[in-house]
């Protein structure tokens, strides 16, 4: 259930970055509580009336901080996440960082330690964890609906040209190495939710490449085999930026049947040994921004009641360790073991 603080003081939010995800977060903030004052910091000056949002815009982070925001949502390119977050945490501002937490593991632990020392909430925006369909899927896996697990497959793909309306994909963050683009960082949700459902990822074998004719300077596909600590089964993970028919699903094959989560239509289906056919056992009506609203409400609840966020900095750092290991595995053409 979405809620706001019982405090009567009006909140001030800072959003760093005004790309498509920054604008979405502003929409979500206003949907949850229209009275929240929103300050936006972006690298270029812009008249707020030109974006149709009730916000104040500055291109100076120090000026943005001078408005004393209660919390910040960091939506600038991932190579700048940690640097930005450290400046905000040093001002005792709670931070929600849009995924991934960074473009590499460097300095992430310093940020985590700083936030802990100042009792500042640090959360990373892997919003898929707030989808009701994925939560239902996880619960059924936890309940051993398909019995002993034999294998897991996670797959996601969509053509980069169709990701963002009105934006030339060649100039997008996703397409440029210097801005933290590439399939591993852009589609890191899969590693986050797999570790959430099945446990710590402790080994990977990966192959990363650029296979399409997209005009980008980053990898557009990754094929990985991952293992989980203490588990006998493996998961195969396929990611791409070129598929014309969008897909995002996770399939678990077990001794009693197969269960499938489909993120495109927000459903969960089961093929059971007893029925020998597929049946839809859950379908979620998924309103625009639904998972983002739940994510932000959870973050604010953690601030108000001193709770640990569902996706902590440490959890997001573990995901970065997985990505770093996949890169090493691909370059060496061998399995890499992960050291947290």
Protein backbone atom coordinates (compact mmCIF):
# COMPACT_ATOMS: atom_id res chain seq x y z
CA UNK A 1 0.00 0.00 0.00
CA UNK A 2 1.39 3.39 -0.99
CA UNK A 3 1.85 5.89 1.80
CA UNK A 4 3.61 9.07 2.70
CA UNK A 5 5.14 10.30 5.90
CA UNK A 6 2.81 11.34 8.70
CA UNK A 7 5.01 14.39 9.14
CA UNK A 8 3.27 17.64 8.22
CA UNK A 9 6.45 19.14 6.77
CA UNK A 10 6.33 19.40 3.00
CA UNK A 11 8.89 17.18 1.34
CA UNK A 12 11.44 18.42 -1.16
CA UNK A 13 12.77 15.95 -3.70
CA UNK A 14 15.87 16.30 -5.85
CA UNK A 15 16.01 14.47 -9.18
CA UNK A 16 19.45 14.37 -10.79
CA UNK A 17 19.08 13.92 -14.54
CA UNK A 18 16.15 14.67 -16.82
CA UNK A 19 16.26 11.90 -19.37
CA UNK A 20 13.34 9.53 -19.88
CA UNK A 21 13.85 7.78 -16.54
CA UNK A 22 14.25 11.10 -14.69
CA UNK A 23 10.95 12.32 -16.09
CA UNK A 24 9.28 9.07 -15.12
CA UNK A 25 10.46 9.44 -11.54
CA UNK A 26 9.14 13.00 -11.44
CA UNK A 27 5.76 11.74 -12.65
CA UNK A 28 5.80 9.12 -9.91
CA UNK A 29 6.71 11.62 -7.20
CA UNK A 30 3.81 13.86 -8.23
CA UNK A 31 1.42 10.91 -8.49
CA UNK A 32 2.23 9.85 -4.93
CA UNK A 33 2.03 13.36 -3.49
CA UNK A 34 1.47 16.44 -5.72
CA UNK A 35 2.57 18.69 -2.87
CA UNK A 36 6.17 17.46 -3.00
CA UNK A 37 8.47 20.20 -4.25
CA UNK A 38 10.75 18.88 -7.00
CA UNK A 39 14.17 20.28 -7.81
CA UNK A 40 15.93 18.95 -10.91
CA UNK A 41 19.66 19.10 -11.52
CA UNK A 42 20.77 18.44 -15.08
CA UNK A 43 23.93 19.22 -16.99
CA UNK A 44 22.17 21.62 -19.38
CA UNK A 45 19.96 24.58 -18.55
CA UNK A 46 16.31 24.19 -19.52
CA UNK A 47 13.11 26.14 -19.08
CA UNK A 48 10.86 23.84 -16.99
CA UNK A 49 7.79 25.07 -18.86
CA UNK A 50 9.24 23.36 -21.91
CA UNK A 51 8.89 19.91 -20.35
CA UNK A 52 5.40 20.33 -18.95
CA UNK A 53 6.44 19.58 -15.38
CA UNK A 54 5.93 21.55 -12.18
CA UNK A 55 9.60 21.63 -11.23
CA UNK A 56 12.55 23.94 -10.70
CA UNK A 57 15.63 23.21 -12.81
CA UNK A 58 19.28 24.01 -12.14
CA UNK A 59 22.53 22.82 -13.71
CA UNK A 60 24.44 23.23 -10.46
CA UNK A 61 24.36 20.47 -7.85
CA UNK A 62 25.43 22.79 -5.04
CA UNK A 63 22.50 25.07 -5.85
CA UNK A 64 20.16 22.08 -5.89
CA UNK A 65 21.44 21.00 -2.47
CA UNK A 66 20.82 24.52 -1.13
CA UNK A 67 17.08 23.80 -1.38
CA UNK A 68 17.57 21.18 1.40
CA UNK A 69 16.01 18.17 -0.33
CA UNK A 70 14.75 15.40 1.94
CA UNK A 71 15.68 12.74 -0.59
CA UNK A 72 17.18 12.44 -4.04
CA UNK A 73 16.63 10.18 -7.04
CA UNK A 74 19.82 9.84 -9.09
CA UNK A 75 19.06 9.35 -12.78
CA UNK A 76 22.19 10.63 -14.50
CA UNK A 77 24.43 8.21 -16.46
CA UNK A 78 25.76 5.34 -14.35
CA UNK A 79 29.47 6.36 -14.47
CA UNK A 80 28.47 9.43 -12.40
CA UNK A 81 26.17 7.70 -9.90
CA UNK A 82 28.69 7.14 -7.12
CA UNK A 83 30.28 10.58 -7.38
CA UNK A 84 26.88 12.24 -7.25
CA UNK A 85 25.61 10.04 -4.44
CA UNK A 86 28.65 10.67 -2.24
CA UNK A 87 28.10 14.43 -2.49
CA UNK A 88 24.46 14.02 -1.48
CA UNK A 89 25.09 11.56 1.34
CA UNK A 90 27.67 13.96 2.77
CA UNK A 91 24.80 16.46 3.00
CA UNK A 92 22.65 13.88 4.83
CA UNK A 93 20.30 13.39 1.87
CA UNK A 94 18.76 9.94 1.41
CA UNK A 95 19.38 8.57 -2.10
CA UNK A 96 17.56 6.28 -4.49
CA UNK A 97 19.94 5.47 -7.34
CA UNK A 98 18.45 4.33 -10.62
CA UNK A 99 19.97 1.00 -11.62
CA UNK A 100 22.74 0.05 -11.96
CA UNK A 101 24.49 1.49 -8.92
CA UNK A 102 27.50 2.34 -11.10
CA UNK A 103 29.22 1.31 -14.32
CA UNK A 104 31.82 -0.69 -12.34
CA UNK A 105 32.47 -1.85 -8.80
CA UNK A 106 35.04 0.89 -8.16
CA UNK A 107 34.28 3.10 -5.13
CA UNK A 108 30.84 1.56 -4.58
CA UNK A 109 31.84 0.13 -1.21
CA UNK A 110 33.06 3.59 -0.15
CA UNK A 111 29.58 4.95 -0.87
CA UNK A 112 27.91 2.11 1.04
CA UNK A 113 30.15 2.62 4.06
CA UNK A 114 29.62 6.39 4.02
CA UNK A 115 25.83 6.03 3.91
CA UNK A 116 25.89 3.54 6.78
CA UNK A 117 28.12 5.78 8.91
CA UNK A 118 25.72 8.71 8.48
CA UNK A 119 22.54 6.62 8.85
CA UNK A 120 21.45 7.59 5.34
CA UNK A 121 19.15 5.35 3.32
CA UNK A 122 20.75 4.09 0.11
CA UNK A 123 18.53 2.16 -2.29
CA UNK A 124 18.99 1.09 -5.91
CA UNK A 125 16.11 1.16 -8.38
CA UNK A 126 15.64 -2.39 -9.59
CA UNK A 127 11.92 -1.80 -9.96
CA UNK A 128 11.07 -5.27 -11.30
CA UNK A 129 11.17 -6.52 -7.71
CA UNK A 130 8.03 -4.44 -7.12
CA UNK A 131 6.01 -6.08 -9.90
CA UNK A 132 3.22 -8.15 -8.39
CA UNK A 133 3.59 -10.82 -11.08
CA UNK A 134 7.28 -11.36 -10.27
CA UNK A 135 6.49 -11.47 -6.54
CA UNK A 136 3.82 -14.10 -7.22
CA UNK A 137 6.31 -16.08 -9.33
CA UNK A 138 8.93 -15.91 -6.55
CA UNK A 139 6.41 -17.05 -3.94
CA UNK A 140 5.46 -20.10 -6.01
CA UNK A 141 9.13 -20.98 -6.53
CA UNK A 142 9.72 -20.58 -2.78
CA UNK A 143 6.71 -22.82 -2.13
CA UNK A 144 8.24 -25.53 -4.36
CA UNK A 145 5.25 -25.54 -6.70
CA UNK A 146 7.31 -27.35 -9.36
CA UNK A 147 9.29 -29.35 -6.83
CA UNK A 148 13.04 -29.81 -7.15
CA UNK A 149 14.46 -27.30 -9.61
CA UNK A 150 16.39 -28.71 -12.56
CA UNK A 151 17.10 -25.56 -14.57
CA UNK A 152 16.32 -21.86 -14.93
CA UNK A 153 16.22 -19.69 -18.05
CA UNK A 154 16.00 -15.89 -18.05
CA UNK A 155 15.74 -13.98 -21.31
CA UNK A 156 15.22 -10.33 -22.21
CA UNK A 157 15.53 -8.56 -25.52
CA UNK A 158 14.23 -5.51 -27.33
CA UNK A 159 15.51 -3.47 -30.23
CA UNK A 160 17.25 -0.36 -28.97
CA UNK A 161 15.65 1.72 -31.73
CA UNK A 162 12.22 1.25 -30.14
CA UNK A 163 13.15 1.82 -26.48
CA UNK A 164 12.54 5.54 -26.13
CA UNK A 165 10.13 7.59 -28.22
CA UNK A 166 11.54 10.77 -29.71
CA UNK A 167 15.17 9.96 -28.90
CA UNK A 168 17.82 8.98 -31.45
CA UNK A 169 19.09 5.70 -30.08
CA UNK A 170 22.67 6.43 -31.26
CA UNK A 171 22.86 9.31 -28.79
CA UNK A 172 21.19 7.54 -25.89
CA UNK A 173 22.94 6.47 -22.70
CA UNK A 174 22.35 2.83 -23.67
CA UNK A 175 24.40 3.17 -26.86
CA UNK A 176 27.51 4.92 -25.53
CA UNK A 177 30.33 3.34 -23.57
CA UNK A 178 31.35 6.62 -21.94
CA UNK A 179 27.85 6.94 -20.45
CA UNK A 180 27.66 3.41 -19.10
CA UNK A 181 25.77 1.81 -21.96
CA UNK A 182 25.74 -1.77 -23.14
CA UNK A 183 23.53 -4.76 -22.57
CA UNK A 184 25.05 -5.91 -19.26
CA UNK A 185 24.39 -2.64 -17.45
CA UNK A 186 21.13 -1.74 -19.20
CA UNK A 187 19.57 -5.15 -18.57
CA UNK A 188 21.17 -5.93 -15.22
CA UNK A 189 17.67 -6.44 -13.76
CA UNK A 190 17.99 -10.11 -14.63
CA UNK A 191 20.99 -10.68 -12.36
CA UNK A 192 19.30 -8.75 -9.57
CA UNK A 193 16.04 -10.68 -9.58
CA UNK A 194 17.70 -14.07 -10.13
CA UNK A 195 19.84 -13.60 -7.02
CA UNK A 196 16.74 -12.36 -5.14
CA UNK A 197 14.77 -15.49 -6.05
CA UNK A 198 17.43 -18.22 -6.12
CA UNK A 199 20.21 -16.94 -3.86
CA UNK A 200 23.73 -15.63 -4.17
CA UNK A 201 25.33 -15.99 -7.61
CA UNK A 202 28.81 -17.43 -7.07
CA UNK A 203 30.05 -18.42 -10.54
CA UNK A 204 29.50 -17.38 -14.14
CA UNK A 205 30.53 -18.29 -17.65
CA UNK A 206 29.77 -15.51 -20.10
CA UNK A 207 30.16 -14.45 -23.72
CA UNK A 208 29.61 -10.78 -24.52
CA UNK A 209 29.67 -9.38 -28.05
CA UNK A 210 28.31 -6.90 -30.56
CA UNK A 211 26.41 -8.85 -33.19
CA UNK A 212 23.91 -6.42 -34.74
CA UNK A 213 24.16 -3.49 -37.14
CA UNK A 214 23.16 -0.99 -34.45
CA UNK A 215 25.32 2.14 -34.53
CA UNK A 216 26.67 1.78 -30.97
CA UNK A 217 30.10 1.36 -29.37
CA UNK A 218 29.04 -1.12 -26.68
CA UNK A 219 28.10 -4.80 -26.52
CA UNK A 220 24.57 -5.61 -27.67
CA UNK A 221 24.31 -9.23 -26.53
CA UNK A 222 25.36 -11.47 -23.67
CA UNK A 223 24.92 -15.19 -23.10
CA UNK A 224 25.68 -16.42 -19.61
CA UNK A 225 25.54 -19.55 -17.50
CA UNK A 226 25.36 -18.77 -13.80
CA UNK A 227 25.49 -20.85 -10.66
CA UNK A 228 24.09 -20.17 -7.21
CA UNK A 229 25.78 -20.81 -3.89
CA UNK A 230 24.70 -24.17 -2.48
CA UNK A 231 22.42 -24.99 -5.44
CA UNK A 232 22.85 -27.85 -7.92
CA UNK A 233 20.99 -26.27 -10.83
CA UNK A 234 22.27 -23.64 -13.26
CA UNK A 235 20.56 -20.69 -14.95
CA UNK A 236 21.06 -19.58 -18.52
CA UNK A 237 20.68 -15.85 -19.14
CA UNK A 238 20.32 -14.29 -22.59
CA UNK A 239 20.32 -10.51 -23.05
CA UNK A 240 20.17 -8.46 -26.23
CA UNK A 241 19.54 -4.95 -27.55
CA UNK A 242 18.45 -5.92 -31.09
CA UNK A 243 15.43 -8.23 -30.90
CA UNK A 244 12.43 -6.87 -32.84
CA UNK A 245 9.85 -8.82 -30.84
CA UNK A 246 10.24 -7.66 -27.22
CA UNK A 247 10.62 -10.42 -24.68
CA UNK A 248 11.28 -10.69 -20.95
CA UNK A 249 10.60 -13.90 -19.12
CA UNK A 250 11.94 -16.40 -16.61
CA UNK A 251 11.27 -20.13 -16.83
CA UNK A 252 11.87 -22.64 -14.04
CA UNK A 253 11.79 -26.34 -14.92
CA UNK A 254 11.25 -28.71 -12.02
CA UNK A 255 10.33 -32.29 -11.22
CA UNK A 256 6.59 -31.48 -11.01
CA UNK A 257 6.30 -29.13 -13.98
CA UNK A 258 7.38 -25.79 -15.41
CA UNK A 259 6.52 -22.28 -14.23
CA UNK A 260 6.99 -19.19 -16.37
CA UNK A 261 6.96 -15.47 -15.55
CA UNK A 262 6.16 -13.22 -18.51
CA UNK A 263 7.00 -9.56 -17.87
CA UNK A 264 5.49 -8.39 -21.16
CA UNK A 265 1.92 -9.31 -20.20
CA UNK A 266 2.59 -9.54 -16.44
CA UNK A 267 1.47 -13.13 -16.14
CA UNK A 268 2.58 -16.38 -14.54
CA UNK A 269 1.83 -19.70 -16.23
CA UNK A 270 2.17 -23.28 -15.07
CA UNK A 271 2.64 -26.54 -16.93
CA UNK A 272 2.02 -29.29 -14.41
CA UNK A 273 2.61 -33.01 -14.61
CA UNK A 274 -0.99 -33.65 -13.60
CA UNK A 275 -2.65 -31.40 -16.21
CA UNK A 276 -0.10 -31.75 -19.02
CA UNK A 277 -1.03 -28.35 -20.38
CA UNK A 278 -0.29 -24.68 -19.77
CA UNK A 279 -2.60 -22.64 -17.57
CA UNK A 280 -2.36 -19.01 -16.52
CA UNK A 281 -2.32 -18.91 -12.73
CA UNK A 282 -1.77 -15.18 -12.34
CA UNK A 283 -2.27 -12.09 -14.47
CA UNK A 284 -1.59 -8.60 -13.18
CA UNK A 285 -3.20 -5.43 -14.40
CA UNK A 286 -0.07 -3.35 -14.68
CA UNK A 287 -0.75 0.40 -14.70
CA UNK A 288 1.87 2.76 -16.05
CA UNK A 289 4.43 3.54 -13.37
CA UNK A 290 2.92 0.92 -11.04
CA UNK A 291 6.18 -0.74 -9.99
CA UNK A 292 7.91 2.65 -9.77
CA UNK A 293 5.22 3.97 -7.42
CA UNK A 294 5.63 0.95 -5.16
CA UNK A 295 9.40 1.33 -5.30
CA UNK A 296 9.33 4.99 -4.28
CA UNK A 297 6.70 4.39 -1.60
CA UNK A 298 8.91 1.66 -0.16
CA UNK A 299 11.93 3.98 -0.19
CA UNK A 300 10.02 6.73 1.61
CA UNK A 301 8.70 4.22 4.13
CA UNK A 302 12.28 3.13 4.83
CA UNK A 303 13.21 6.77 5.48
CA UNK A 304 10.19 7.40 7.73
CA UNK A 305 10.56 4.23 9.80
CA UNK A 306 14.30 3.57 9.64
CA UNK A 307 13.95 0.35 7.66
CA UNK A 308 16.51 -1.37 5.43
CA UNK A 309 15.61 -0.95 1.73
CA UNK A 310 14.71 -4.07 -0.24
CA UNK A 311 17.49 -3.35 -2.75
CA UNK A 312 20.40 -2.13 -0.64
CA UNK A 313 23.70 -0.77 -1.85
CA UNK A 314 25.35 -4.07 -0.91
CA UNK A 315 22.82 -6.03 -2.96
CA UNK A 316 23.44 -3.78 -5.98
CA UNK A 317 27.21 -4.13 -5.51
CA UNK A 318 26.83 -7.91 -5.67
CA UNK A 319 25.10 -7.44 -9.02
CA UNK A 320 28.08 -5.36 -10.19
CA UNK A 321 30.41 -8.18 -9.09
CA UNK A 322 28.40 -10.53 -11.32
CA UNK A 323 28.67 -8.15 -14.29
CA UNK A 324 32.40 -7.67 -13.75
CA UNK A 325 32.84 -11.46 -13.62
CA UNK A 326 30.90 -11.92 -16.87
CA UNK A 327 33.18 -9.40 -18.55
CA UNK A 328 36.27 -11.22 -17.29
CA UNK A 329 34.87 -14.58 -18.32
CA UNK A 330 34.11 -13.32 -21.81
CA UNK A 331 37.58 -11.86 -22.28
CA UNK A 332 39.28 -15.03 -21.02
CA UNK A 333 36.76 -17.52 -22.44
CA UNK A 334 36.51 -19.35 -19.12
CA UNK A 335 34.38 -19.61 -15.97
CA UNK A 336 34.95 -16.92 -13.34
CA UNK A 337 34.32 -17.33 -9.61
CA UNK A 338 32.90 -14.33 -7.81
CA UNK A 339 34.43 -12.85 -4.70
CA UNK A 340 32.08 -10.46 -2.90
